[in-house]
Amino acid sequence: MVLDLDPKLAWARANPHFFPVEINTAPFETLLRVPGIGPTSARRIIRARPKNRFTDEEELKRAGLVLSRAKSFITINGKRPWSARWEQLGFSARSS
């Protein structure tokens, strides 16, 4: 693991087969693997799902995600509008 990276980000980069994570269907434990999603925002996501599917960045920000860190590792309804960032991290673009 690279020591100058956040440990969660370093783990995510070392384990690309776990990503991207679909924000609208991933279980709590899977959400916790995503950089920028902590326990509080993961609980908010899980609680919001029965009422409303997430559809855009603003909804995720309101749920408490650090979107600048999370967006490279998630999809929203199967779409990842941030593919270029994913590739910059050294992963190939793929859908979930």
Foldseek 3Di string as FASTA:
>chain_A
DDPVDDVLLVVCLVCVVLFQAELLDDQLVSQCSAPQDHNQLSVLSVVCNVPDADDDDVVSVVSRGPCVRRLLGYAGPFDRPPQVVVVVSVDHDDTD
